[in-house]
Structures are given as structure tokens and as C-alpha cells.
Protein backbone atom coordinates (compact mmCIF):
# COMPACT_ATOMS: atom_id res chain seq x y z
CA GLN A 1 11.83 35.95 14.36
CA SER A 2 8.48 37.61 13.82
CA ASN A 3 5.94 39.03 11.44
CA THR A 4 7.23 42.49 10.48
CA THR A 5 3.88 43.83 9.23
CA ASN A 6 2.89 47.11 10.86
CA ASP A 7 0.51 46.51 13.83
CA SER A 8 1.14 42.74 13.75
CA THR A 9 0.92 40.96 17.12
CA VAL A 10 2.70 37.81 15.93
CA PHE A 11 5.88 37.21 17.97
CA THR A 12 8.07 34.12 17.69
CA ASP A 13 10.78 32.89 20.04
CA SER A 14 13.72 31.91 17.81
CA SER A 15 15.50 29.98 20.56
CA SER A 16 15.38 26.18 20.80
CA ASN A 17 12.81 26.54 23.62
CA GLY A 18 10.17 27.93 21.26
CA HIS A 19 8.31 29.78 24.00
CA THR A 20 4.81 30.98 23.14
CA ILE A 21 4.79 34.81 23.23
CA THR A 22 1.45 36.55 23.81
CA ALA A 23 0.87 40.25 23.12
CA VAL A 24 -1.08 42.08 25.85
CA GLY A 25 -2.71 45.45 25.24
CA THR A 26 -1.19 47.34 22.32
CA ALA A 27 2.23 45.69 22.27
CA GLU A 28 2.78 45.25 18.53
CA HIS A 29 5.16 45.57 15.60
CA LYS A 30 5.71 49.07 14.27
CA THR A 31 7.55 50.09 11.12
CA ALA A 32 7.93 53.66 12.42
CA GLN A 33 11.10 52.56 14.24
CA ALA A 34 13.62 49.82 13.50
CA LYS A 35 17.06 49.08 14.90
CA PHE A 36 17.69 46.49 12.19
CA GLY A 37 15.41 45.47 9.34
CA SER A 38 11.99 47.04 8.91
CA SER A 39 10.24 47.04 12.31
CA SER A 40 10.54 46.95 16.08
CA ILE A 41 8.24 46.19 19.03
CA GLN A 42 6.24 49.09 20.44
CA PHE A 43 5.23 49.33 24.10
CA ASN A 44 2.97 52.14 25.32
CA ASP A 45 2.94 53.29 28.94
CA GLY A 46 -0.66 52.70 29.96
CA THR A 47 -3.21 50.13 31.05
CA VAL A 48 -5.72 47.79 29.46
CA ALA A 49 -8.52 45.69 30.96
CA GLY A 50 -7.40 44.13 34.21
CA SER A 51 -4.83 46.86 34.79
CA ASP A 52 -2.22 45.01 32.74
CA ALA A 53 0.36 47.32 31.17
CA HIS A 54 1.11 46.75 27.48
CA HIS A 55 3.69 43.99 27.23
CA LEU A 56 4.64 40.60 25.82
CA SER A 57 3.89 37.66 28.11
CA ILE A 58 5.57 34.25 28.36
CA ALA A 59 4.31 31.54 30.72
CA ALA A 60 6.42 30.66 33.75
CA ASP A 61 9.04 28.13 32.73
CA ALA A 62 12.12 26.53 34.31
CA SER A 63 14.29 27.81 31.46
CA PHE A 64 14.04 31.25 33.09
CA ASP A 65 15.28 30.06 36.50
CA PHE A 66 18.71 31.70 36.71
CA LEU A 67 19.41 30.26 40.19
CA ALA A 68 23.21 30.28 40.70
CA GLU A 69 24.10 30.06 37.00
CA ASP A 70 25.79 32.60 34.78
CA PHE A 71 23.35 34.54 32.61
CA CYS A 72 22.88 37.48 30.28
CA VAL A 73 19.80 39.59 29.59
CA ALA A 74 20.28 41.99 26.66
CA PHE A 75 18.09 44.12 24.41
CA GLN A 76 17.93 47.24 22.25
CA LEU A 77 15.64 50.11 23.33
CA ILE A 78 14.62 53.54 22.12
CA CYS A 79 12.58 55.16 24.88
CA ASN A 80 9.99 57.96 24.97
CA THR A 81 10.05 58.31 28.76
CA GLY A 82 12.95 59.60 30.83
CA GLY A 83 14.59 58.29 33.93
CA ASN A 84 17.08 55.66 34.96
CA MET A 85 17.41 52.10 33.60
CA MET A 86 17.60 49.91 36.70
CA SER A 87 17.91 46.22 37.54
CA HIS A 88 16.40 44.32 40.49
CA ALA A 89 16.64 40.68 41.59
CA SER A 90 15.41 38.49 44.42
CA THR A 91 16.36 35.27 46.20
CA ASN A 92 13.13 35.01 48.18
CA ASN A 93 10.27 36.18 45.90
CA SER A 94 9.31 38.83 48.45
CA SER A 95 12.03 41.51 48.31
CA TRP A 96 14.83 42.79 46.06
CA ASP A 97 17.47 41.35 48.36
CA ALA A 98 19.97 40.21 45.69
CA TRP A 99 20.36 43.67 44.20
CA ASN A 100 17.93 46.58 44.24
CA GLY A 101 17.78 49.40 41.73
CA THR A 102 21.29 49.01 40.32
CA SER A 103 21.66 51.61 37.57
CA LEU A 104 22.63 50.75 34.01
CA GLY A 105 22.48 54.36 32.85
CA THR A 106 20.33 57.46 32.46
CA SER A 107 19.29 59.95 29.74
CA LEU A 108 16.78 57.58 28.16
CA VAL A 109 14.95 60.14 26.03
CA ASP A 110 17.33 61.10 23.23
CA ASN A 111 15.68 59.51 20.18
CA THR A 112 18.57 57.03 19.99
CA TRP A 113 18.68 53.24 20.14
CA HIS A 114 20.70 51.98 23.12
CA HIS A 115 21.93 48.47 23.90
CA TRP A 116 21.41 47.35 27.51
CA ALA A 117 22.73 44.23 29.23
CA VAL A 118 22.84 42.63 32.68
CA THR A 119 25.26 39.73 33.13
CA ARG A 120 26.45 37.33 35.78
CA ASP A 121 29.89 35.76 35.53
CA GLY A 122 30.46 33.63 38.60
CA SER A 123 29.96 36.08 41.47
CA THR A 124 30.56 39.18 39.33
CA MET A 125 27.57 41.17 38.12
CA GLY A 126 27.97 43.46 35.13
CA PHE A 127 25.57 46.24 34.10
CA TYR A 128 26.11 47.71 30.63
CA LYS A 129 24.91 50.53 28.39
CA ASP A 130 26.03 50.55 24.76
CA GLY A 131 28.81 48.07 25.45
CA THR A 132 30.34 49.98 28.36
CA ARG A 133 30.11 48.66 31.90
CA THR A 134 28.38 51.34 33.95
CA ASN A 135 28.12 49.40 37.20
CA THR A 136 29.40 46.22 38.81
CA SER A 137 28.73 44.31 42.01
CA THR A 138 29.38 40.97 43.70
CA PHE A 139 26.66 38.37 44.22
CA SER A 140 27.26 34.72 45.08
CA GLY A 141 23.75 33.64 46.09
CA THR A 142 20.97 31.75 44.31
CA LEU A 143 18.17 33.66 42.63
CA GLN A 144 14.55 32.66 43.17
CA THR A 145 12.72 29.97 41.26
CA ASN A 146 9.60 31.26 39.52
CA THR A 147 6.94 28.65 38.79
CA THR A 148 3.92 30.96 39.10
CA PHE A 149 4.33 34.31 37.40
CA ALA A 150 4.59 34.88 33.66
CA GLN A 151 7.71 36.50 32.25
CA ARG A 152 7.08 40.01 30.93
CA LEU A 153 8.80 41.99 28.22
CA GLY A 154 8.07 45.72 28.32
CA SER A 155 6.34 45.89 31.70
CA ALA A 156 7.18 45.59 35.36
CA ALA A 157 5.24 43.02 37.38
CA ASN A 158 3.81 45.76 39.62
CA GLU A 159 2.50 47.74 36.61
CA THR A 160 4.59 50.82 37.46
CA ASN A 161 7.69 52.37 35.88
CA ASN A 162 6.85 50.82 32.53
CA PRO A 163 8.70 52.03 29.43
CA SER A 164 7.06 53.80 26.53
CA GLY A 165 9.01 53.22 23.37
CA TYR A 166 10.37 50.49 21.12
CA MET A 167 12.42 47.34 21.80
CA ASP A 168 14.25 44.90 19.56
CA GLU A 169 16.88 42.14 19.61
CA ILE A 170 15.87 40.75 23.00
CA ARG A 171 17.99 37.81 24.13
CA VAL A 172 18.00 35.96 27.46
CA SER A 173 20.90 33.53 27.89
CA LEU A 174 21.23 31.01 30.73
CA GLY A 175 24.57 29.38 31.54
CA VAL A 176 26.74 31.95 29.76
CA PRO A 177 27.48 35.60 30.70
CA ARG A 178 28.03 36.48 27.01
CA TYR A 179 29.49 39.92 27.86
CA THR A 180 32.26 40.43 30.43
CA GLY A 181 34.92 42.97 31.32
CA ALA A 182 34.85 46.74 31.07
CA SER A 183 33.43 46.82 27.54
CA PHE A 184 32.32 44.77 24.55
CA THR A 185 31.36 45.34 20.93
CA VAL A 186 27.62 45.88 20.61
CA PRO A 187 25.94 43.63 17.98
CA THR A 188 25.60 45.34 14.61
CA GLU A 189 23.19 42.96 12.90
CA ILE A 190 20.02 40.95 13.46
CA LEU A 191 20.36 37.92 15.73
CA SER A 192 20.81 34.85 13.56
CA ASN A 193 18.70 31.71 13.27
CA ASN A 194 21.41 29.70 15.01
CA ALA A 195 22.15 32.21 17.76
CA THR A 196 21.86 30.53 21.16
CA GLY A 197 19.75 31.63 24.11
CA THR A 198 16.87 30.81 26.46
CA LEU A 199 14.74 33.39 24.66
CA ILE A 200 15.42 35.23 21.40
CA GLN A 201 12.95 37.81 20.12
CA SER A 202 13.94 39.83 17.08
CA ALA A 203 11.32 42.05 15.49
CA ASN A 204 12.60 41.03 12.06
CA ALA A 205 13.25 37.75 10.28
CA VAL A 206 16.63 36.39 11.31
CA THR A 207 19.01 35.01 8.72
CA GLY A 208 22.62 33.95 8.29
CA SER A 209 24.78 32.93 11.21
CA ARG A 210 26.64 34.35 14.14
């Protein structure tokens, strides 16, 4: 949950891990767009001092080591820049050898919120847009351990291909794929206080249960 005041840079991880989330550049709450509630998180495509793109930063932590476990990364996004939503992963911290540029979908600039998800269920990878599986692959290896680099929301580590737009309802889940099969029902409400995950960042106060 977070402070929903326009221009606020207060972000709170609602998961049991309670990660500290730091806003870099102009990453901030904006009431101009909201998937649920009254605000969302704005990311601008650009640079600030030190050539860091605008993003949210979370210190390296073992709770983000997917290794050989099932996982799910999901979020809502309305984007101002076009292109292709892609996923990359590494087992060696030097190349995208696990999967490289797997597409989740295109047509990003349509002034519409879209739900995106990448899941691992055993050796089956699922890539989803708006609850429909757009791509699938097989991977049975172990992903890299990251003890050095901070996790970023809204920016690539190499400072390129960064989105310009708004995000909300970000959830990283370790140990559970959460979404499987050809399709699933996209969430229609704010993530709840007792929702489970490694990281939960909703731009609005979370209430109730799910």
C-alpha cells in the first residue's frame, strides 16, 4: 500500500517481506491515471543524475532469487511508448541464456490499462497479456542468484528500453506460478492486505481480503 497523494514518493511493500522501496528520479504517484482507487505510479522515459532512469529501487535480497522455483511476476501498465513487451532471464549473470526477448504482446500505446504476467510452473514458462497466454516455452534450469544489483521497477538495468507511462498492482510471487494454462481471469480489484507475495506494490491503500 502507499500514499496516494499526487506527486508523493512514498511507496510501501505490502508483502510480509516489507522491502524498502526508494523512488529514483521522478517516479511518483499520479492521480491523473488510476487502474483502481485514486492513483498509480508514473515512470518517465529519461535520465537523472548518474544516468539512472526513473524507477523504484529495492536492495538486492534473497527473496528475489527465483532459482529453480515456480514464480509469477505480474503488473498493470498503461504505456505512452510503443513497442513490444518482452521478458529476459539469465542463469549466469552475463547473458540472457535462459530466455531472451520472449514477447508478451505488442500495441502498447492505446491509452488502455493492460495486465501482464510471466510465470513458471515446473519447466513450463507462461507469458500473458490481459489473461491470455501469448507465448510459452520450456525451461528446466536454475536462474541466477543476485546478491549485488538492486531490483528495479520501471527501468531496465542497462538504462535502455525503459517504459514511459503508469504502473499499478505489481506483485512478485516466489514458489507459486499463480496463473497457468491458456487463460485466467485478470484481477478486478486492489490487491488485499492479506494477499501473498515476495513483493506487493499497489498505488492505493489495500483493504479487504482475497
